[in-house]
Amino acid sequence: MRTTQAVPRPGHKVAKSGRQRRAEMKTRRAEKRLLARVNAGLESRLLLLLRTSVDPKDCAAVSAPHLRPDNSYGAPDFVIRGRYEPMPFVCKDCGKAEVWTAEQQKWWYETAQGYVWSTAVRCRECRARERARVAAAREASFAGLARKAKRLEEVR
C-alpha cells in the first residue's frame, strides 16, 4: 500500500477538517491583530517608553492639567512618562537633523496649548520660511477677493 500525501490539482483545494480550518482562521486573525498593532506603533511606543538613557537634566516635568483637552482614550508618551524628553527629528523641508528640546515641548503643549499628539517636523528656519509663504499666499488671496468685489461693484 502506498502512503502519499494528496496533492491538489491546479485550481482545486485539498479537503480540510473543521478543526484545521479553525486553526488557520485563528492564526490569520492573530497575524492581523499583530500587524494592526505594529501599524498603530504600539510596539515602538512601548520600546520608546522603556528607554532609560536620557539625562534627567535634559527633561522637564509634565503638568497634565495645563494640557489642551483632546478627547482621546489614550495618553501621549510624555504624559505616561511624566516628563518631556529631547526628541530628535529630521526637518521635512530641508532634511536637517534637529532636536526638539524638553523646554520647547513644554512651551508648545502647556503654554501655546498645542495638540498633544503633534510633534516638531520643521527646523526653525524652515518654519519661518513656511510662515512667510503662507502669509504671502493669504495676502494674495485677500487682494484677489478685493479686486473681485471692486469689479462687482463697478458692474452694478
N, C-alpha and C. Protein backbone atom coordinates (compact mmCIF):
# COMPACT_ATOMS: atom_id res chain seq x y z
N MET A 1 0.83 -1.18 0.00
CA MET A 1 0.00 0.00 0.00
C MET A 1 0.88 1.25 0.00
N ARG A 2 0.56 2.17 -0.88
CA ARG A 2 1.33 3.41 -1.00
C ARG A 2 0.72 4.48 -0.10
N THR A 3 1.59 5.17 0.68
CA THR A 3 1.09 6.28 1.52
C THR A 3 1.71 7.56 1.01
N THR A 4 0.95 8.30 0.28
CA THR A 4 1.42 9.60 -0.21
C THR A 4 0.41 10.65 0.20
N GLN A 5 0.89 11.84 0.29
CA GLN A 5 0.01 12.95 0.64
C GLN A 5 -0.76 13.38 -0.59
N ALA A 6 -1.99 13.76 -0.39
CA ALA A 6 -2.82 14.19 -1.52
C ALA A 6 -2.29 15.51 -2.05
N VAL A 7 -2.04 15.56 -3.34
CA VAL A 7 -1.57 16.77 -3.99
C VAL A 7 -2.74 17.33 -4.78
N PRO A 8 -3.13 18.56 -4.49
CA PRO A 8 -4.29 19.11 -5.20
C PRO A 8 -3.94 19.40 -6.65
N ARG A 9 -4.92 19.20 -7.50
CA ARG A 9 -4.75 19.57 -8.89
C ARG A 9 -4.83 21.09 -8.99
N PRO A 10 -4.25 21.65 -10.01
CA PRO A 10 -4.33 23.11 -10.16
C PRO A 10 -5.79 23.57 -10.20
N GLY A 11 -6.09 24.58 -9.38
CA GLY A 11 -7.45 25.12 -9.33
C GLY A 11 -8.33 24.43 -8.33
N HIS A 12 -7.86 23.36 -7.66
CA HIS A 12 -8.64 22.64 -6.67
C HIS A 12 -7.98 22.75 -5.30
N LYS A 13 -8.79 22.66 -4.24
CA LYS A 13 -8.28 22.74 -2.88
C LYS A 13 -8.27 21.36 -2.25
N VAL A 14 -7.38 21.16 -1.29
CA VAL A 14 -7.33 19.92 -0.52
C VAL A 14 -8.43 19.99 0.53
N ALA A 15 -9.13 18.92 0.75
CA ALA A 15 -10.18 18.88 1.76
C ALA A 15 -9.55 18.99 3.15
N LYS A 16 -10.12 19.83 4.00
CA LYS A 16 -9.61 20.03 5.35
C LYS A 16 -10.74 19.83 6.33
N SER A 17 -10.35 19.44 7.53
CA SER A 17 -11.36 19.28 8.57
C SER A 17 -11.73 20.64 9.15
N GLY A 18 -12.82 20.67 9.90
CA GLY A 18 -13.25 21.90 10.55
C GLY A 18 -12.21 22.39 11.54
N ARG A 19 -11.54 21.45 12.22
CA ARG A 19 -10.52 21.82 13.20
C ARG A 19 -9.34 22.50 12.50
N GLN A 20 -8.94 21.98 11.33
CA GLN A 20 -7.84 22.58 10.59
C GLN A 20 -8.21 23.99 10.12
N ARG A 21 -9.43 24.15 9.64
CA ARG A 21 -9.89 25.48 9.18
C ARG A 21 -9.91 26.47 10.33
N ARG A 22 -10.43 26.03 11.50
CA ARG A 22 -10.48 26.93 12.66
C ARG A 22 -9.07 27.35 13.09
N ALA A 23 -8.13 26.41 13.05
CA ALA A 23 -6.75 26.73 13.43
C ALA A 23 -6.15 27.74 12.45
N GLU A 24 -6.42 27.57 11.17
CA GLU A 24 -5.91 28.53 10.18
C GLU A 24 -6.54 29.90 10.37
N MET A 25 -7.85 29.93 10.64
CA MET A 25 -8.52 31.22 10.86
C MET A 25 -7.96 31.90 12.10
N LYS A 26 -7.72 31.14 13.16
CA LYS A 26 -7.17 31.70 14.38
C LYS A 26 -5.79 32.30 14.12
N THR A 27 -4.96 31.58 13.35
CA THR A 27 -3.63 32.08 13.02
C THR A 27 -3.71 33.36 12.20
N ARG A 28 -4.60 33.38 11.20
CA ARG A 28 -4.75 34.59 10.36
C ARG A 28 -5.21 35.78 11.19
N ARG A 29 -6.15 35.54 12.12
CA ARG A 29 -6.64 36.63 12.97
C ARG A 29 -5.53 37.16 13.87
N ALA A 30 -4.73 36.27 14.44
CA ALA A 30 -3.61 36.69 15.30
C ALA A 30 -2.61 37.51 14.50
N GLU A 31 -2.30 37.08 13.26
CA GLU A 31 -1.38 37.84 12.42
C GLU A 31 -1.95 39.21 12.09
N LYS A 32 -3.26 39.27 11.83
CA LYS A 32 -3.90 40.56 11.54
C LYS A 32 -3.82 41.50 12.73
N ARG A 33 -4.09 40.97 13.94
CA ARG A 33 -4.01 41.80 15.14
C ARG A 33 -2.61 42.32 15.37
N LEU A 34 -1.61 41.45 15.18
CA LEU A 34 -0.23 41.86 15.35
C LEU A 34 0.14 42.94 14.34
N LEU A 35 -0.27 42.74 13.09
CA LEU A 35 0.02 43.73 12.06
C LEU A 35 -0.65 45.06 12.39
N ALA A 36 -1.89 45.02 12.89
CA ALA A 36 -2.59 46.26 13.26
C ALA A 36 -1.86 46.96 14.40
N ARG A 37 -1.36 46.19 15.38
CA ARG A 37 -0.63 46.80 16.50
C ARG A 37 0.67 47.42 16.03
N VAL A 38 1.36 46.74 15.13
CA VAL A 38 2.61 47.29 14.60
C VAL A 38 2.32 48.55 13.81
N ASN A 39 1.27 48.53 12.98
CA ASN A 39 0.91 49.71 12.20
C ASN A 39 0.50 50.86 13.11
N ALA A 40 -0.12 50.56 14.22
CA ALA A 40 -0.51 51.61 15.16
C ALA A 40 0.69 52.15 15.93
N GLY A 41 1.80 51.47 15.85
CA GLY A 41 3.01 51.95 16.51
C GLY A 41 3.08 51.60 17.97
N LEU A 42 2.26 50.66 18.44
CA LEU A 42 2.25 50.35 19.86
C LEU A 42 3.58 49.75 20.32
N GLU A 43 4.15 48.84 19.54
CA GLU A 43 5.40 48.24 19.94
C GLU A 43 6.51 49.30 20.02
N SER A 44 6.58 50.16 19.01
CA SER A 44 7.63 51.18 19.03
C SER A 44 7.41 52.17 20.17
N ARG A 45 6.14 52.47 20.49
CA ARG A 45 5.86 53.37 21.61
C ARG A 45 6.31 52.73 22.92
N LEU A 46 6.05 51.43 23.08
CA LEU A 46 6.47 50.76 24.31
C LEU A 46 7.99 50.74 24.43
N LEU A 47 8.67 50.48 23.33
CA LEU A 47 10.13 50.50 23.36
C LEU A 47 10.64 51.89 23.70
N LEU A 48 9.98 52.91 23.18
CA LEU A 48 10.38 54.28 23.46
C LEU A 48 10.19 54.60 24.94
N LEU A 49 9.11 54.10 25.53
CA LEU A 49 8.85 54.37 26.94
C LEU A 49 9.86 53.68 27.84
N LEU A 50 10.37 52.53 27.40
CA LEU A 50 11.31 51.79 28.22
C LEU A 50 12.73 52.32 28.13
N ARG A 51 12.96 53.27 27.25
CA ARG A 51 14.29 53.84 27.07
C ARG A 51 14.71 54.58 28.33
N THR A 52 15.92 54.36 28.81
CA THR A 52 16.37 54.98 30.06
C THR A 52 17.66 55.77 29.90
N SER A 53 18.12 55.99 28.69
CA SER A 53 19.41 56.64 28.50
C SER A 53 19.32 58.17 28.46
N VAL A 54 18.18 58.74 28.84
CA VAL A 54 18.01 60.19 28.80
C VAL A 54 18.53 60.80 30.09
N ASP A 55 19.31 61.87 29.95
CA ASP A 55 19.85 62.58 31.11
C ASP A 55 18.72 63.36 31.78
N PRO A 56 18.49 63.18 33.08
CA PRO A 56 17.38 63.86 33.76
C PRO A 56 17.45 65.39 33.68
N LYS A 57 18.66 65.96 33.55
CA LYS A 57 18.74 67.42 33.48
C LYS A 57 18.23 67.95 32.14
N ASP A 58 18.12 67.08 31.12
CA ASP A 58 17.58 67.49 29.82
C ASP A 58 16.06 67.35 29.75
N CYS A 59 15.44 66.88 30.83
CA CYS A 59 13.99 66.63 30.84
C CYS A 59 13.27 67.76 31.55
N ALA A 60 11.96 67.83 31.32
CA ALA A 60 11.11 68.80 32.02
C ALA A 60 9.84 68.08 32.46
N ALA A 61 9.34 68.43 33.63
CA ALA A 61 8.16 67.77 34.18
C ALA A 61 6.89 68.18 33.42
N VAL A 62 5.97 67.24 33.28
CA VAL A 62 4.69 67.49 32.62
C VAL A 62 3.69 67.95 33.66
N SER A 63 2.94 68.99 33.33
CA SER A 63 1.84 69.44 34.16
C SER A 63 0.55 69.14 33.39
N ALA A 64 0.00 67.95 33.63
CA ALA A 64 -1.15 67.45 32.86
C ALA A 64 -2.36 68.39 32.88
N PRO A 65 -2.68 69.08 33.99
CA PRO A 65 -3.85 69.97 33.95
C PRO A 65 -3.71 71.15 32.98
N HIS A 66 -2.47 71.49 32.61
CA HIS A 66 -2.26 72.60 31.68
C HIS A 66 -2.33 72.19 30.22
N LEU A 67 -2.47 70.89 29.94
CA LEU A 67 -2.54 70.42 28.56
C LEU A 67 -3.92 70.67 27.98
N ARG A 68 -3.96 70.88 26.67
CA ARG A 68 -5.23 71.07 25.98
C ARG A 68 -6.00 69.74 25.95
N PRO A 69 -7.29 69.75 26.29
CA PRO A 69 -8.06 68.50 26.21
C PRO A 69 -8.14 68.00 24.78
N ASP A 70 -8.06 66.67 24.61
CA ASP A 70 -8.09 66.14 23.25
C ASP A 70 -9.13 65.04 23.05
N ASN A 71 -9.91 64.71 24.06
CA ASN A 71 -10.99 63.71 23.96
C ASN A 71 -10.48 62.37 23.42
N SER A 72 -9.32 61.96 23.86
CA SER A 72 -8.74 60.71 23.40
C SER A 72 -8.83 59.68 24.52
N TYR A 73 -8.91 58.42 24.15
CA TYR A 73 -8.93 57.36 25.15
C TYR A 73 -7.54 57.06 25.68
N GLY A 74 -6.51 57.46 24.94
CA GLY A 74 -5.14 57.20 25.37
C GLY A 74 -4.47 58.47 25.85
N ALA A 75 -3.23 58.31 26.21
CA ALA A 75 -2.43 59.45 26.63
C ALA A 75 -1.12 59.43 25.86
N PRO A 76 -0.59 60.59 25.51
CA PRO A 76 0.71 60.63 24.82
C PRO A 76 1.81 60.05 25.70
N ASP A 77 2.90 59.66 25.06
CA ASP A 77 4.02 59.05 25.78
C ASP A 77 4.56 59.94 26.89
N PHE A 78 4.66 61.25 26.62
CA PHE A 78 5.26 62.14 27.63
C PHE A 78 4.38 62.24 28.87
N VAL A 79 3.08 62.09 28.72
CA VAL A 79 2.19 62.12 29.89
C VAL A 79 2.36 60.84 30.69
N ILE A 80 2.48 59.69 30.01
CA ILE A 80 2.68 58.42 30.70
C ILE A 80 4.00 58.43 31.45
N ARG A 81 5.06 58.97 30.80
CA ARG A 81 6.37 59.05 31.44
C ARG A 81 6.38 60.07 32.58
N GLY A 82 5.58 61.13 32.43
CA GLY A 82 5.58 62.19 33.43
C GLY A 82 6.62 63.26 33.17
N ARG A 83 7.27 63.19 32.02
CA ARG A 83 8.31 64.18 31.70
C ARG A 83 8.46 64.33 30.19
N TYR A 84 8.92 65.50 29.79
CA TYR A 84 9.27 65.74 28.38
C TYR A 84 10.73 65.37 28.22
N GLU A 85 11.05 64.68 27.13
CA GLU A 85 12.43 64.32 26.83
C GLU A 85 12.81 64.92 25.49
N PRO A 86 14.09 65.26 25.30
CA PRO A 86 14.52 65.77 23.99
C PRO A 86 14.16 64.76 22.90
N MET A 87 13.57 65.26 21.80
CA MET A 87 13.10 64.39 20.74
C MET A 87 13.80 64.75 19.42
N PRO A 88 14.63 63.84 18.92
CA PRO A 88 15.28 64.13 17.63
C PRO A 88 14.28 63.99 16.48
N PHE A 89 14.44 64.82 15.45
CA PHE A 89 13.60 64.72 14.26
C PHE A 89 14.39 65.24 13.08
N VAL A 90 13.90 64.95 11.89
CA VAL A 90 14.52 65.42 10.65
C VAL A 90 13.55 66.38 9.99
N CYS A 91 14.01 67.57 9.64
CA CYS A 91 13.16 68.58 9.02
C CYS A 91 12.59 68.04 7.71
N LYS A 92 11.28 68.17 7.53
CA LYS A 92 10.65 67.60 6.33
C LYS A 92 10.91 68.44 5.09
N ASP A 93 11.39 69.67 5.25
CA ASP A 93 11.67 70.51 4.10
C ASP A 93 13.13 70.43 3.66
N CYS A 94 14.06 70.65 4.59
CA CYS A 94 15.48 70.70 4.21
C CYS A 94 16.24 69.44 4.56
N GLY A 95 15.68 68.56 5.41
CA GLY A 95 16.33 67.31 5.75
C GLY A 95 17.37 67.42 6.84
N LYS A 96 17.45 68.58 7.50
CA LYS A 96 18.44 68.80 8.56
C LYS A 96 17.99 68.09 9.84
N ALA A 97 18.92 67.44 10.53
CA ALA A 97 18.62 66.76 11.80
C ALA A 97 18.56 67.81 12.91
N GLU A 98 17.50 67.78 13.67
CA GLU A 98 17.28 68.74 14.77
C GLU A 98 16.86 67.98 16.02
N VAL A 99 16.84 68.68 17.14
CA VAL A 99 16.34 68.13 18.39
C VAL A 99 15.29 69.08 18.95
N TRP A 100 14.12 68.53 19.25
CA TRP A 100 13.04 69.30 19.87
C TRP A 100 13.24 69.15 21.37
N THR A 101 13.72 70.22 22.02
CA THR A 101 14.10 70.14 23.42
C THR A 101 12.88 70.01 24.32
N ALA A 102 13.14 69.57 25.56
CA ALA A 102 12.07 69.39 26.53
C ALA A 102 11.40 70.74 26.85
N GLU A 103 12.18 71.82 26.93
CA GLU A 103 11.60 73.13 27.21
C GLU A 103 10.69 73.60 26.07
N GLN A 104 11.12 73.34 24.83
CA GLN A 104 10.28 73.71 23.68
C GLN A 104 8.98 72.92 23.68
N GLN A 105 9.07 71.64 24.02
CA GLN A 105 7.86 70.81 24.09
C GLN A 105 6.92 71.32 25.18
N LYS A 106 7.48 71.63 26.34
CA LYS A 106 6.66 72.13 27.45
C LYS A 106 5.95 73.42 27.05
N TRP A 107 6.65 74.33 26.37
CA TRP A 107 6.02 75.57 25.92
C TRP A 107 4.91 75.26 24.91
N TRP A 108 5.18 74.36 23.95
CA TRP A 108 4.20 74.07 22.90
C TRP A 108 2.94 73.45 23.48
N TYR A 109 3.09 72.45 24.33
CA TYR A 109 1.92 71.73 24.82
C TYR A 109 1.18 72.47 25.93
N GLU A 110 1.90 73.14 26.83
CA GLU A 110 1.26 73.73 28.00
C GLU A 110 0.96 75.21 27.86
N THR A 111 1.86 75.99 27.27
CA THR A 111 1.65 77.43 27.15
C THR A 111 0.87 77.77 25.89
N ALA A 112 1.34 77.25 24.74
CA ALA A 112 0.67 77.55 23.47
C ALA A 112 -0.56 76.67 23.26
N GLN A 113 -0.78 75.70 24.13
CA GLN A 113 -1.92 74.79 24.05
C GLN A 113 -1.95 74.03 22.72
N GLY A 114 -0.79 73.56 22.26
CA GLY A 114 -0.69 72.79 21.03
C GLY A 114 -1.32 71.42 21.19
N TYR A 115 -1.70 70.82 20.07
CA TYR A 115 -2.32 69.50 20.07
C TYR A 115 -1.32 68.49 20.63
N VAL A 116 -1.74 67.68 21.61
CA VAL A 116 -0.82 66.81 22.32
C VAL A 116 -0.28 65.65 21.48
N TRP A 117 -0.90 65.35 20.37
CA TRP A 117 -0.42 64.26 19.52
C TRP A 117 0.48 64.78 18.40
N SER A 118 0.78 66.09 18.36
CA SER A 118 1.64 66.64 17.32
C SER A 118 3.09 66.67 17.78
N THR A 119 4.00 66.65 16.81
CA THR A 119 5.43 66.75 17.10
C THR A 119 6.06 67.73 16.13
N ALA A 120 7.29 68.12 16.40
CA ALA A 120 8.00 69.04 15.53
C ALA A 120 8.36 68.34 14.22
N VAL A 121 8.19 69.04 13.09
CA VAL A 121 8.53 68.47 11.79
C VAL A 121 9.42 69.39 10.97
N ARG A 122 9.54 70.67 11.35
CA ARG A 122 10.38 71.61 10.59
C ARG A 122 11.37 72.29 11.53
N CYS A 123 12.55 72.59 10.99
CA CYS A 123 13.54 73.33 11.76
C CYS A 123 13.10 74.80 11.85
N ARG A 124 13.79 75.58 12.65
CA ARG A 124 13.40 76.97 12.89
C ARG A 124 13.39 77.79 11.59
N GLU A 125 14.42 77.62 10.75
CA GLU A 125 14.50 78.40 9.50
C GLU A 125 13.35 78.03 8.56
N CYS A 126 13.09 76.74 8.43
CA CYS A 126 12.01 76.31 7.52
C CYS A 126 10.63 76.71 8.05
N ARG A 127 10.47 76.74 9.39
CA ARG A 127 9.19 77.21 9.96
C ARG A 127 8.98 78.67 9.60
N ALA A 128 10.03 79.50 9.72
CA ALA A 128 9.92 80.92 9.37
C ALA A 128 9.61 81.08 7.88
N ARG A 129 10.27 80.28 7.05
CA ARG A 129 10.03 80.34 5.60
C ARG A 129 8.59 79.93 5.27
N GLU A 130 8.09 78.89 5.93
CA GLU A 130 6.71 78.42 5.69
C GLU A 130 5.69 79.46 6.15
N ARG A 131 5.94 80.10 7.30
CA ARG A 131 5.02 81.15 7.77
C ARG A 131 4.98 82.31 6.79
N ALA A 132 6.15 82.70 6.25
CA ALA A 132 6.20 83.79 5.27
C ALA A 132 5.46 83.40 3.99
N ARG A 133 5.62 82.15 3.55
CA ARG A 133 4.94 81.69 2.34
C ARG A 133 3.43 81.70 2.53
N VAL A 134 2.95 81.23 3.68
CA VAL A 134 1.51 81.20 3.95
C VAL A 134 0.96 82.62 4.05
N ALA A 135 1.72 83.52 4.69
CA ALA A 135 1.27 84.92 4.81
C ALA A 135 1.18 85.57 3.44
N ALA A 136 2.16 85.32 2.57
CA ALA A 136 2.12 85.89 1.21
C ALA A 136 0.93 85.33 0.42
N ALA A 137 0.68 84.04 0.56
CA ALA A 137 -0.47 83.44 -0.13
C ALA A 137 -1.78 84.02 0.38
N ARG A 138 -1.86 84.25 1.69
CA ARG A 138 -3.07 84.83 2.27
C ARG A 138 -3.29 86.25 1.75
N GLU A 139 -2.21 87.04 1.70
CA GLU A 139 -2.31 88.41 1.18
C GLU A 139 -2.75 88.42 -0.28
N ALA A 140 -2.19 87.51 -1.08
CA ALA A 140 -2.57 87.42 -2.50
C ALA A 140 -4.04 87.05 -2.62
N SER A 141 -4.50 86.15 -1.77
CA SER A 141 -5.91 85.75 -1.81
C SER A 141 -6.81 86.91 -1.44
N PHE A 142 -6.46 87.64 -0.38
CA PHE A 142 -7.27 88.79 0.02
C PHE A 142 -7.27 89.88 -1.05
N ALA A 143 -6.12 90.09 -1.69
CA ALA A 143 -6.04 91.09 -2.75
C ALA A 143 -6.94 90.69 -3.92
N GLY A 144 -6.95 89.40 -4.28
CA GLY A 144 -7.81 88.91 -5.35
C GLY A 144 -9.28 89.08 -5.01
N LEU A 145 -9.64 88.81 -3.76
CA LEU A 145 -11.03 88.99 -3.33
C LEU A 145 -11.44 90.46 -3.37
N ALA A 146 -10.50 91.33 -2.98
CA ALA A 146 -10.80 92.77 -3.02
C ALA A 146 -11.00 93.24 -4.46
N ARG A 147 -10.16 92.77 -5.39
CA ARG A 147 -10.33 93.12 -6.81
C ARG A 147 -11.68 92.62 -7.34
N LYS A 148 -12.05 91.41 -6.95
CA LYS A 148 -13.31 90.84 -7.41
C LYS A 148 -14.49 91.66 -6.87
N ALA A 149 -14.43 92.04 -5.61
CA ALA A 149 -15.50 92.84 -5.02
C ALA A 149 -15.59 94.19 -5.72
N LYS A 150 -14.46 94.78 -6.03
CA LYS A 150 -14.43 96.08 -6.73
C LYS A 150 -15.07 95.96 -8.12
N ARG A 151 -14.74 94.89 -8.87
CA ARG A 151 -15.32 94.67 -10.19
C ARG A 151 -16.83 94.49 -10.10
N LEU A 152 -17.28 93.76 -9.10
CA LEU A 152 -18.72 93.52 -8.94
C LEU A 152 -19.47 94.83 -8.66
N GLU A 153 -18.85 95.70 -7.87
CA GLU A 153 -19.49 96.97 -7.56
C GLU A 153 -19.50 97.88 -8.79
N GLU A 154 -18.48 97.79 -9.65
CA GLU A 154 -18.46 98.59 -10.87
C GLU A 154 -19.54 98.14 -11.84
N VAL A 155 -19.83 96.85 -11.86
CA VAL A 155 -20.87 96.31 -12.76
C VAL A 155 -22.24 96.76 -12.31
N ARG A 156 -22.48 96.87 -11.05
CA ARG A 156 -23.81 97.27 -10.52
C ARG A 156 -24.06 98.69 -10.76
